[in-house]
Amino acid sequence: MCYWPAMLIKLPLGELISGCPMTAKAKIETLDNENKSITFAVLEGDILSFYTSFKAKLEVMDAGYAKWSIEYEKADESAPDPEVYRNFAVTLSKGLDAYLN
């Protein structure tokens, strides 16, 4: 397992929740070559106005498909469930697939 604490990524999340452009600054928390997974932890950005913590994990399964999971804690009860990020995950997965192929 590799750790890259200094690698930061600025993610344009589009207009997912508020109808306004949103961004998040995330770091690659873990890169696990053996299990073919990457875990991103959000450090700052618009997304943290809805969640006090937010991590997303991307796993490449043996069948060749991507599996995303999200670990989060809502800032308050009015925060939406993170299913609104599904389209972003699909777009990111397709972009990664195109880059790798």
PDB file of N, CA and C in Angstrom:
ATOM      1  N   MET A   1       0.849  -1.171   0.000  1.00  0.00           N
ATOM      2  CA  MET A   1       0.000   0.000   0.000  1.00  0.00           C
ATOM      3  C   MET A   1       0.896   1.236   0.000  1.00  0.00           C
ATOM      4  N   CYS A   2       0.548   2.216  -0.809  1.00  0.00           N
ATOM      5  CA  CYS A   2       1.325   3.450  -0.904  1.00  0.00           C
ATOM      6  C   CYS A   2       0.539   4.611  -0.311  1.00  0.00           C
ATOM      7  N   TYR A   3       1.245   5.573   0.245  1.00  0.00           N
ATOM      8  CA  TYR A   3       0.618   6.779   0.770  1.00  0.00           C
ATOM      9  C   TYR A   3       1.235   7.984   0.089  1.00  0.00           C
ATOM     10  N   TRP A   4       0.413   8.868  -0.429  1.00  0.00           N
ATOM     11  CA  TRP A   4       0.864  10.071  -1.105  1.00  0.00           C
ATOM     12  C   TRP A   4       0.233  11.284  -0.447  1.00  0.00           C
ATOM     13  N   PRO A   5       0.631  11.658   0.753  1.00  0.00           N
ATOM     14  CA  PRO A   5      -0.055  12.738   1.462  1.00  0.00           C
ATOM     15  C   PRO A   5       0.084  14.101   0.801  1.00  0.00           C
ATOM     16  N   ALA A   6       1.092  14.300  -0.043  1.00  0.00           N
ATOM     17  CA  ALA A   6       1.299  15.620  -0.631  1.00  0.00           C
ATOM     18  C   ALA A   6       0.551  15.808  -1.948  1.00  0.00           C
ATOM     19  N   MET A   7      -0.048  14.776  -2.498  1.00  0.00           N
ATOM     20  CA  MET A   7      -0.714  14.904  -3.784  1.00  0.00           C
ATOM     21  C   MET A   7      -2.121  15.452  -3.596  1.00  0.00           C
ATOM     22  N   LEU A   8      -2.370  16.640  -4.147  1.00  0.00           N
ATOM     23  CA  LEU A   8      -3.667  17.293  -4.034  1.00  0.00           C
ATOM     24  C   LEU A   8      -4.329  17.382  -5.398  1.00  0.00           C
ATOM     25  N   ILE A   9      -5.626  17.277  -5.405  1.00  0.00           N
ATOM     26  CA  ILE A   9      -6.407  17.322  -6.640  1.00  0.00           C
ATOM     27  C   ILE A   9      -7.536  18.317  -6.451  1.00  0.00           C
ATOM     28  N   LYS A  10      -7.718  19.207  -7.420  1.00  0.00           N
ATOM     29  CA  LYS A  10      -8.868  20.103  -7.386  1.00  0.00           C
ATOM     30  C   LYS A  10      -9.923  19.527  -8.316  1.00  0.00           C
ATOM     31  N   LEU A  11     -11.091  19.211  -7.754  1.00  0.00           N
ATOM     32  CA  LEU A  11     -12.145  18.550  -8.511  1.00  0.00           C
ATOM     33  C   LEU A  11     -13.267  19.531  -8.831  1.00  0.00           C
ATOM     34  N   PRO A  12     -13.547  19.774 -10.104  1.00  0.00           N
ATOM     35  CA  PRO A  12     -14.731  20.574 -10.445  1.00  0.00           C
ATOM     36  C   PRO A  12     -15.963  19.676 -10.373  1.00  0.00           C
ATOM     37  N   LEU A  13     -16.806  19.907  -9.397  1.00  0.00           N
ATOM     38  CA  LEU A  13     -17.940  19.013  -9.172  1.00  0.00           C
ATOM     39  C   LEU A  13     -19.188  19.424  -9.938  1.00  0.00           C
ATOM     40  N   GLY A  14     -19.115  20.516 -10.684  1.00  0.00           N
ATOM     41  CA  GLY A  14     -20.284  20.968 -11.428  1.00  0.00           C
ATOM     42  C   GLY A  14     -21.310  21.594 -10.511  1.00  0.00           C
ATOM     43  N   GLU A  15     -22.547  21.565 -10.915  1.00  0.00           N
ATOM     44  CA  GLU A  15     -23.633  22.183 -10.158  1.00  0.00           C
ATOM     45  C   GLU A  15     -24.478  21.094  -9.514  1.00  0.00           C
ATOM     46  N   LEU A  16     -23.872  20.349  -8.619  1.00  0.00           N
ATOM     47  CA  LEU A  16     -24.496  19.143  -8.097  1.00  0.00           C
ATOM     48  C   LEU A  16     -25.598  19.389  -7.079  1.00  0.00           C
ATOM     49  N   ILE A  17     -25.403  20.322  -6.166  1.00  0.00           N
ATOM     50  CA  ILE A  17     -26.369  20.484  -5.085  1.00  0.00           C
ATOM     51  C   ILE A  17     -27.043  21.840  -5.141  1.00  0.00           C
ATOM     52  N   SER A  18     -26.245  22.889  -5.085  1.00  0.00           N
ATOM     53  CA  SER A  18     -26.787  24.229  -4.899  1.00  0.00           C
ATOM     54  C   SER A  18     -27.203  24.908  -6.193  1.00  0.00           C
ATOM     55  N   GLY A  19     -26.912  24.319  -7.336  1.00  0.00           N
ATOM     56  CA  GLY A  19     -27.175  24.972  -8.607  1.00  0.00           C
ATOM     57  C   GLY A  19     -26.046  25.906  -9.002  1.00  0.00           C
ATOM     58  N   CYS A  20     -25.043  26.031  -8.157  1.00  0.00           N
ATOM     59  CA  CYS A  20     -23.866  26.870  -8.421  1.00  0.00           C
ATOM     60  C   CYS A  20     -22.662  25.959  -8.632  1.00  0.00           C
ATOM     61  N   PRO A  21     -21.676  26.430  -9.392  1.00  0.00           N
ATOM     62  CA  PRO A  21     -20.476  25.606  -9.574  1.00  0.00           C
ATOM     63  C   PRO A  21     -19.831  25.292  -8.229  1.00  0.00           C
ATOM     64  N   MET A  22     -19.423  24.044  -8.052  1.00  0.00           N
ATOM     65  CA  MET A  22     -18.811  23.599  -6.801  1.00  0.00           C
ATOM     66  C   MET A  22     -17.445  22.990  -7.090  1.00  0.00           C
ATOM     67  N   THR A  23     -16.551  23.127  -6.131  1.00  0.00           N
ATOM     68  CA  THR A  23     -15.241  22.494  -6.238  1.00  0.00           C
ATOM     69  C   THR A  23     -14.893  21.846  -4.905  1.00  0.00           C
ATOM     70  N   ALA A  24     -13.932  20.963  -4.956  1.00  0.00           N
ATOM     71  CA  ALA A  24     -13.400  20.346  -3.741  1.00  0.00           C
ATOM     72  C   ALA A  24     -11.914  20.126  -3.948  1.00  0.00           C
ATOM     73  N   LYS A  25     -11.149  20.341  -2.917  1.00  0.00           N
ATOM     74  CA  LYS A  25      -9.732  20.026  -2.942  1.00  0.00           C
ATOM     75  C   LYS A  25      -9.574  18.738  -2.147  1.00  0.00           C
ATOM     76  N   ALA A  26      -9.006  17.736  -2.802  1.00  0.00           N
ATOM     77  CA  ALA A  26      -8.874  16.420  -2.168  1.00  0.00           C
ATOM     78  C   ALA A  26      -7.443  15.941  -2.281  1.00  0.00           C
ATOM     79  N   LYS A  27      -7.100  15.050  -1.392  1.00  0.00           N
ATOM     80  CA  LYS A  27      -5.794  14.407  -1.485  1.00  0.00           C
ATOM     81  C   LYS A  27      -6.009  12.920  -1.690  1.00  0.00           C
ATOM     82  N   ILE A  28      -5.047  12.299  -2.325  1.00  0.00           N
ATOM     83  CA  ILE A  28      -5.072  10.845  -2.420  1.00  0.00           C
ATOM     84  C   ILE A  28      -4.558  10.349  -1.080  1.00  0.00           C
ATOM     85  N   GLU A  29      -5.472   9.772  -0.311  1.00  0.00           N
ATOM     86  CA  GLU A  29      -5.126   9.311   1.023  1.00  0.00           C
ATOM     87  C   GLU A  29      -4.386   7.983   0.975  1.00  0.00           C
ATOM     88  N   THR A  30      -4.902   7.062   0.167  1.00  0.00           N
ATOM     89  CA  THR A  30      -4.219   5.782  -0.013  1.00  0.00           C
ATOM     90  C   THR A  30      -4.308   5.358  -1.471  1.00  0.00           C
ATOM     91  N   LEU A  31      -3.269   4.711  -1.906  1.00  0.00           N
ATOM     92  CA  LEU A  31      -3.215   4.094  -3.229  1.00  0.00           C
ATOM     93  C   LEU A  31      -2.786   2.658  -2.983  1.00  0.00           C
ATOM     94  N   ASP A  32      -3.699   1.732  -3.177  1.00  0.00           N
ATOM     95  CA  ASP A  32      -3.462   0.325  -2.869  1.00  0.00           C
ATOM     96  C   ASP A  32      -3.396  -0.462  -4.179  1.00  0.00           C
ATOM     97  N   ASN A  33      -2.187  -0.716  -4.640  1.00  0.00           N
ATOM     98  CA  ASN A  33      -2.006  -1.432  -5.906  1.00  0.00           C
ATOM     99  C   ASN A  33      -2.514  -2.863  -5.831  1.00  0.00           C
ATOM    100  N   GLU A  34      -2.292  -3.512  -4.708  1.00  0.00           N
ATOM    101  CA  GLU A  34      -2.696  -4.914  -4.563  1.00  0.00           C
ATOM    102  C   GLU A  34      -4.213  -5.070  -4.703  1.00  0.00           C
ATOM    103  N   ASN A  35      -4.970  -4.184  -4.067  1.00  0.00           N
ATOM    104  CA  ASN A  35      -6.428  -4.252  -4.127  1.00  0.00           C
ATOM    105  C   ASN A  35      -7.024  -3.343  -5.195  1.00  0.00           C
ATOM    106  N   LYS A  36      -6.176  -2.713  -5.991  1.00  0.00           N
ATOM    107  CA  LYS A  36      -6.602  -1.851  -7.100  1.00  0.00           C
ATOM    108  C   LYS A  36      -7.594  -0.787  -6.625  1.00  0.00           C
ATOM    109  N   SER A  37      -7.178  -0.021  -5.608  1.00  0.00           N
ATOM    110  CA  SER A  37      -8.076   0.997  -5.072  1.00  0.00           C
ATOM    111  C   SER A  37      -7.338   2.304  -4.773  1.00  0.00           C
ATOM    112  N   ILE A  38      -8.098   3.377  -4.819  1.00  0.00           N
ATOM    113  CA  ILE A  38      -7.621   4.717  -4.471  1.00  0.00           C
ATOM    114  C   ILE A  38      -8.656   5.316  -3.535  1.00  0.00           C
ATOM    115  N   THR A  39      -8.201   5.908  -2.443  1.00  0.00           N
ATOM    116  CA  THR A  39      -9.094   6.604  -1.530  1.00  0.00           C
ATOM    117  C   THR A  39      -8.745   8.084  -1.536  1.00  0.00           C
ATOM    118  N   PHE A  40      -9.754   8.914  -1.789  1.00  0.00           N
ATOM    119  CA  PHE A  40      -9.606  10.362  -1.799  1.00  0.00           C
ATOM    120  C   PHE A  40     -10.244  10.932  -0.537  1.00  0.00           C
ATOM    121  N   ALA A  41      -9.599  11.886   0.109  1.00  0.00           N
ATOM    122  CA  ALA A  41     -10.160  12.577   1.266  1.00  0.00           C
ATOM    123  C   ALA A  41     -10.294  14.053   0.917  1.00  0.00           C
ATOM    124  N   VAL A  42     -11.488  14.613   1.081  1.00  0.00           N
ATOM    125  CA  VAL A  42     -11.712  16.025   0.780  1.00  0.00           C
ATOM    126  C   VAL A  42     -11.132  16.859   1.913  1.00  0.00           C
ATOM    127  N   LEU A  43     -10.321  17.861   1.544  1.00  0.00           N
ATOM    128  CA  LEU A  43      -9.670  18.728   2.523  1.00  0.00           C
ATOM    129  C   LEU A  43     -10.373  20.070   2.671  1.00  0.00           C
ATOM    130  N   GLU A  44     -10.864  20.590   1.547  1.00  0.00           N
ATOM    131  CA  GLU A  44     -11.543  21.882   1.571  1.00  0.00           C
ATOM    132  C   GLU A  44     -12.412  22.017   0.337  1.00  0.00           C
ATOM    133  N   GLY A  45     -13.255  23.026   0.354  1.00  0.00           N
ATOM    134  CA  GLY A  45     -14.113  23.287  -0.793  1.00  0.00           C
ATOM    135  C   GLY A  45     -15.578  23.342  -0.407  1.00  0.00           C
ATOM    136  N   ASP A  46     -16.405  23.582  -1.408  1.00  0.00           N
ATOM    137  CA  ASP A  46     -17.840  23.760  -1.210  1.00  0.00           C
ATOM    138  C   ASP A  46     -18.500  22.539  -0.574  1.00  0.00           C
ATOM    139  N   ILE A  47     -18.000  21.371  -0.890  1.00  0.00           N
ATOM    140  CA  ILE A  47     -18.615  20.131  -0.393  1.00  0.00           C
ATOM    141  C   ILE A  47     -18.608  20.064   1.141  1.00  0.00           C
ATOM    142  N   LEU A  48     -17.620  20.714   1.776  1.00  0.00           N
ATOM    143  CA  LEU A  48     -17.532  20.664   3.231  1.00  0.00           C
ATOM    144  C   LEU A  48     -18.522  21.611   3.917  1.00  0.00           C
ATOM    145  N   SER A  49     -19.286  22.353   3.136  1.00  0.00           N
ATOM    146  CA  SER A  49     -20.380  23.107   3.750  1.00  0.00           C
ATOM    147  C   SER A  49     -21.574  22.178   4.021  1.00  0.00           C
ATOM    148  N   PHE A  50     -21.576  21.007   3.401  1.00  0.00           N
ATOM    149  CA  PHE A  50     -22.640  20.018   3.603  1.00  0.00           C
ATOM    150  C   PHE A  50     -22.204  18.851   4.490  1.00  0.00           C
ATOM    151  N   TYR A  51     -20.901  18.546   4.486  1.00  0.00           N
ATOM    152  CA  TYR A  51     -20.376  17.392   5.217  1.00  0.00           C
ATOM    153  C   TYR A  51     -19.160  17.807   6.041  1.00  0.00           C
ATOM    154  N   THR A  52     -19.048  17.289   7.255  1.00  0.00           N
ATOM    155  CA  THR A  52     -17.871  17.589   8.066  1.00  0.00           C
ATOM    156  C   THR A  52     -16.682  16.734   7.648  1.00  0.00           C
ATOM    157  N   SER A  53     -16.946  15.574   7.078  1.00  0.00           N
ATOM    158  CA  SER A  53     -15.891  14.736   6.500  1.00  0.00           C
ATOM    159  C   SER A  53     -16.460  14.032   5.275  1.00  0.00           C
ATOM    160  N   PHE A  54     -15.590  13.803   4.302  1.00  0.00           N
ATOM    161  CA  PHE A  54     -16.036  13.184   3.058  1.00  0.00           C
ATOM    162  C   PHE A  54     -14.850  12.451   2.434  1.00  0.00           C
ATOM    163  N   LYS A  55     -14.991  11.137   2.266  1.00  0.00           N
ATOM    164  CA  LYS A  55     -13.982  10.312   1.604  1.00  0.00           C
ATOM    165  C   LYS A  55     -14.661   9.481   0.526  1.00  0.00           C
ATOM    166  N   ALA A  56     -13.985   9.340  -0.588  1.00  0.00           N
ATOM    167  CA  ALA A  56     -14.494   8.511  -1.681  1.00  0.00           C
ATOM    168  C   ALA A  56     -13.425   7.475  -2.035  1.00  0.00           C
ATOM    169  N   LYS A  57     -13.872   6.253  -2.240  1.00  0.00           N
ATOM    170  CA  LYS A  57     -12.952   5.167  -2.589  1.00  0.00           C
ATOM    171  C   LYS A  57     -13.356   4.589  -3.938  1.00  0.00           C
ATOM    172  N   LEU A  58     -12.376   4.462  -4.813  1.00  0.00           N
ATOM    173  CA  LEU A  58     -12.573   3.858  -6.123  1.00  0.00           C
ATOM    174  C   LEU A  58     -11.830   2.533  -6.143  1.00  0.00           C
ATOM    175  N   GLU A  59     -12.558   1.464  -6.455  1.00  0.00           N
ATOM    176  CA  GLU A  59     -11.956   0.137  -6.568  1.00  0.00           C
ATOM    177  C   GLU A  59     -12.217  -0.395  -7.970  1.00  0.00           C
ATOM    178  N   VAL A  60     -11.207  -0.973  -8.584  1.00  0.00           N
ATOM    179  CA  VAL A  60     -11.377  -1.650  -9.868  1.00  0.00           C
ATOM    180  C   VAL A  60     -11.544  -3.122  -9.560  1.00  0.00           C
ATOM    181  N   MET A  61     -12.685  -3.650  -9.941  1.00  0.00           N
ATOM    182  CA  MET A  61     -13.013  -5.041  -9.635  1.00  0.00           C
ATOM    183  C   MET A  61     -12.427  -5.969 -10.703  1.00  0.00           C
ATOM    184  N   ASP A  62     -12.346  -7.256 -10.394  1.00  0.00           N
ATOM    185  CA  ASP A  62     -11.759  -8.230 -11.315  1.00  0.00           C
ATOM    186  C   ASP A  62     -12.484  -8.276 -12.657  1.00  0.00           C
ATOM    187  N   ALA A  63     -13.769  -8.016 -12.647  1.00  0.00           N
ATOM    188  CA  ALA A  63     -14.541  -8.040 -13.895  1.00  0.00           C
ATOM    189  C   ALA A  63     -14.278  -6.793 -14.746  1.00  0.00           C
ATOM    190  N   GLY A  64     -13.480  -5.860 -14.234  1.00  0.00           N
ATOM    191  CA  GLY A  64     -13.128  -4.679 -15.005  1.00  0.00           C
ATOM    192  C   GLY A  64     -14.030  -3.483 -14.794  1.00  0.00           C
ATOM    193  N   TYR A  65     -14.960  -3.565 -13.873  1.00  0.00           N
ATOM    194  CA  TYR A  65     -15.821  -2.414 -13.624  1.00  0.00           C
ATOM    195  C   TYR A  65     -15.335  -1.669 -12.384  1.00  0.00           C
ATOM    196  N   ALA A  66     -15.788  -0.420 -12.255  1.00  0.00           N
ATOM    197  CA  ALA A  66     -15.393   0.425 -11.126  1.00  0.00           C
ATOM    198  C   ALA A  66     -16.470   0.401 -10.055  1.00  0.00           C
ATOM    199  N   LYS A  67     -16.025   0.340  -8.811  1.00  0.00           N
ATOM    200  CA  LYS A  67     -16.940   0.389  -7.674  1.00  0.00           C
ATOM    201  C   LYS A  67     -16.546   1.595  -6.826  1.00  0.00           C
ATOM    202  N   TRP A  68     -17.492   2.495  -6.615  1.00  0.00           N
ATOM    203  CA  TRP A  68     -17.274   3.669  -5.775  1.00  0.00           C
ATOM    204  C   TRP A  68     -17.991   3.481  -4.447  1.00  0.00           C
ATOM    205  N   SER A  69     -17.344   3.891  -3.375  1.00  0.00           N
ATOM    206  CA  SER A  69     -18.004   3.940  -2.069  1.00  0.00           C
ATOM    207  C   SER A  69     -17.643   5.274  -1.415  1.00  0.00           C
ATOM    208  N   ILE A  70     -18.561   5.776  -0.599  1.00  0.00           N
ATOM    209  CA  ILE A  70     -18.381   7.079   0.029  1.00  0.00           C
ATOM    210  C   ILE A  70     -18.577   6.941   1.535  1.00  0.00           C
ATOM    211  N   GLU A  71     -17.656   7.530   2.271  1.00  0.00           N
ATOM    212  CA  GLU A  71     -17.751   7.609   3.725  1.00  0.00           C
ATOM    213  C   GLU A  71     -17.900   9.092   4.053  1.00  0.00           C
ATOM    214  N   TYR A  72     -18.936   9.447   4.787  1.00  0.00           N
ATOM    215  CA  TYR A  72     -19.211  10.863   5.031  1.00  0.00           C
ATOM    216  C   TYR A  72     -19.901  11.068   6.367  1.00  0.00           C
ATOM    217  N   GLU A  73     -19.848  12.304   6.831  1.00  0.00           N
ATOM    218  CA  GLU A  73     -20.606  12.716   8.001  1.00  0.00           C
ATOM    219  C   GLU A  73     -21.271  14.040   7.654  1.00  0.00           C
ATOM    220  N   LYS A  74     -22.599  14.072   7.745  1.00  0.00           N
ATOM    221  CA  LYS A  74     -23.344  15.285   7.408  1.00  0.00           C
ATOM    222  C   LYS A  74     -23.052  16.393   8.408  1.00  0.00           C
ATOM    223  N   ALA A  75     -22.976  17.631   7.900  1.00  0.00           N
ATOM    224  CA  ALA A  75     -22.781  18.792   8.771  1.00  0.00           C
ATOM    225  C   ALA A  75     -24.022  19.028   9.620  1.00  0.00           C
ATOM    226  N   ASP A  76     -25.196  18.770   9.037  1.00  0.00           N
ATOM    227  CA  ASP A  76     -26.459  18.843   9.771  1.00  0.00           C
ATOM    228  C   ASP A  76     -27.499  18.026   9.017  1.00  0.00           C
ATOM    229  N   GLU A  77     -28.687  17.916   9.562  1.00  0.00           N
ATOM    230  CA  GLU A  77     -29.724  17.062   8.975  1.00  0.00           C
ATOM    231  C   GLU A  77     -30.210  17.535   7.604  1.00  0.00           C
ATOM    232  N   SER A  78     -30.000  18.810   7.277  1.00  0.00           N
ATOM    233  CA  SER A  78     -30.469  19.321   5.987  1.00  0.00           C
ATOM    234  C   SER A  78     -29.519  18.962   4.838  1.00  0.00           C
ATOM    235  N   ALA A  79     -28.338  18.451   5.152  1.00  0.00           N
ATOM    236  CA  ALA A  79     -27.371  18.077   4.110  1.00  0.00           C
ATOM    237  C   ALA A  79     -27.929  16.911   3.295  1.00  0.00           C
ATOM    238  N   PRO A  80     -27.784  16.970   1.971  1.00  0.00           N
ATOM    239  CA  PRO A  80     -28.313  15.888   1.134  1.00  0.00           C
ATOM    240  C   PRO A  80     -27.476  14.621   1.258  1.00  0.00           C
ATOM    241  N   ASP A  81     -28.099  13.492   0.951  1.00  0.00           N
ATOM    242  CA  ASP A  81     -27.340  12.255   0.861  1.00  0.00           C
ATOM    243  C   ASP A  81     -26.381  12.392  -0.317  1.00  0.00           C
ATOM    244  N   PRO A  82     -25.213  11.792  -0.248  1.00  0.00           N
ATOM    245  CA  PRO A  82     -24.213  11.998  -1.299  1.00  0.00           C
ATOM    246  C   PRO A  82     -24.511  11.289  -2.618  1.00  0.00           C
ATOM    247  N   GLU A  83     -25.700  10.719  -2.775  1.00  0.00           N
ATOM    248  CA  GLU A  83     -26.025  10.073  -4.053  1.00  0.00           C
ATOM    249  C   GLU A  83     -26.009  11.070  -5.216  1.00  0.00           C
ATOM    250  N   VAL A  84     -26.069  12.377  -4.910  1.00  0.00           N
ATOM    251  CA  VAL A  84     -26.017  13.387  -5.973  1.00  0.00           C
ATOM    252  C   VAL A  84     -24.661  13.382  -6.676  1.00  0.00           C
ATOM    253  N   TYR A  85     -23.657  12.751  -6.082  1.00  0.00           N
ATOM    254  CA  TYR A  85     -22.328  12.693  -6.688  1.00  0.00           C
ATOM    255  C   TYR A  85     -22.166  11.504  -7.630  1.00  0.00           C
ATOM    256  N   ARG A  86     -23.207  10.747  -7.799  1.00  0.00           N
ATOM    257  CA  ARG A  86     -23.153   9.556  -8.661  1.00  0.00           C
ATOM    258  C   ARG A  86     -22.752   9.908 -10.099  1.00  0.00           C
ATOM    259  N   ASN A  87     -23.374  10.930 -10.685  1.00  0.00           N
ATOM    260  CA  ASN A  87     -23.038  11.311 -12.062  1.00  0.00           C
ATOM    261  C   ASN A  87     -21.589  11.751 -12.182  1.00  0.00           C
ATOM    262  N   PHE A  88     -21.090  12.456 -11.153  1.00  0.00           N
ATOM    263  CA  PHE A  88     -19.688  12.855 -11.169  1.00  0.00           C
ATOM    264  C   PHE A  88     -18.786  11.627 -11.158  1.00  0.00           C
ATOM    265  N   ALA A  89     -19.108  10.635 -10.343  1.00  0.00           N
ATOM    266  CA  ALA A  89     -18.311   9.407 -10.270  1.00  0.00           C
ATOM    267  C   ALA A  89     -18.322   8.673 -11.610  1.00  0.00           C
ATOM    268  N   VAL A  90     -19.474   8.628 -12.268  1.00  0.00           N
ATOM    269  CA  VAL A  90     -19.569   7.978 -13.582  1.00  0.00           C
ATOM    270  C   VAL A  90     -18.703   8.717 -14.597  1.00  0.00           C
ATOM    271  N   THR A  91     -18.784  10.053 -14.614  1.00  0.00           N
ATOM    272  CA  THR A  91     -17.988  10.860 -15.542  1.00  0.00           C
ATOM    273  C   THR A  91     -16.499  10.675 -15.283  1.00  0.00           C
ATOM    274  N   LEU A  92     -16.106  10.693 -14.017  1.00  0.00           N
ATOM    275  CA  LEU A  92     -14.700  10.502 -13.663  1.00  0.00           C
ATOM    276  C   LEU A  92     -14.227   9.110 -14.066  1.00  0.00           C
ATOM    277  N   SER A  93     -15.044   8.099 -13.835  1.00  0.00           N
ATOM    278  CA  SER A  93     -14.676   6.728 -14.208  1.00  0.00           C
ATOM    279  C   SER A  93     -14.489   6.591 -15.713  1.00  0.00           C
ATOM    280  N   LYS A  94     -15.387   7.188 -16.475  1.00  0.00           N
ATOM    281  CA  LYS A  94     -15.267   7.127 -17.938  1.00  0.00           C
ATOM    282  C   LYS A  94     -14.015   7.849 -18.414  1.00  0.00           C
ATOM    283  N   GLY A  95     -13.704   8.975 -17.770  1.00  0.00           N
ATOM    284  CA  GLY A  95     -12.485   9.712 -18.127  1.00  0.00           C
ATOM    285  C   GLY A  95     -11.228   8.913 -17.822  1.00  0.00           C
ATOM    286  N   LEU A  96     -11.208   8.255 -16.667  1.00  0.00           N
ATOM    287  CA  LEU A  96     -10.072   7.403 -16.316  1.00  0.00           C
ATOM    288  C   LEU A  96      -9.934   6.237 -17.285  1.00  0.00           C
ATOM    289  N   ASP A  97     -11.066   5.634 -17.654  1.00  0.00           N
ATOM    290  CA  ASP A  97     -11.044   4.517 -18.584  1.00  0.00           C
ATOM    291  C   ASP A  97     -10.490   4.956 -19.949  1.00  0.00           C
ATOM    292  N   ALA A  98     -10.944   6.110 -20.421  1.00  0.00           N
ATOM    293  CA  ALA A  98     -10.469   6.621 -21.711  1.00  0.00           C
ATOM    294  C   ALA A  98      -8.965   6.916 -21.644  1.00  0.00           C
ATOM    295  N   TYR A  99      -8.523   7.472 -20.531  1.00  0.00           N
ATOM    296  CA  TYR A  99      -7.094   7.782 -20.369  1.00  0.00           C
ATOM    297  C   TYR A  99      -6.247   6.525 -20.352  1.00  0.00           C
ATOM    298  N   LEU A 100      -6.711   5.493 -19.656  1.00  0.00           N
ATOM    299  CA  LEU A 100      -5.943   4.267 -19.511  1.00  0.00           C
ATOM    300  C   LEU A 100      -5.974   3.376 -20.744  1.00  0.00           C
ATOM    301  N   ASN A 101      -6.973   3.556 -21.591  1.00  0.00           N
ATOM    302  CA  ASN A 101      -7.084   2.729 -22.800  1.00  0.00           C
ATOM    303  C   ASN A 101      -6.650   3.514 -23.965  1.00  0.00           C
TER     304      ASN A 101
END
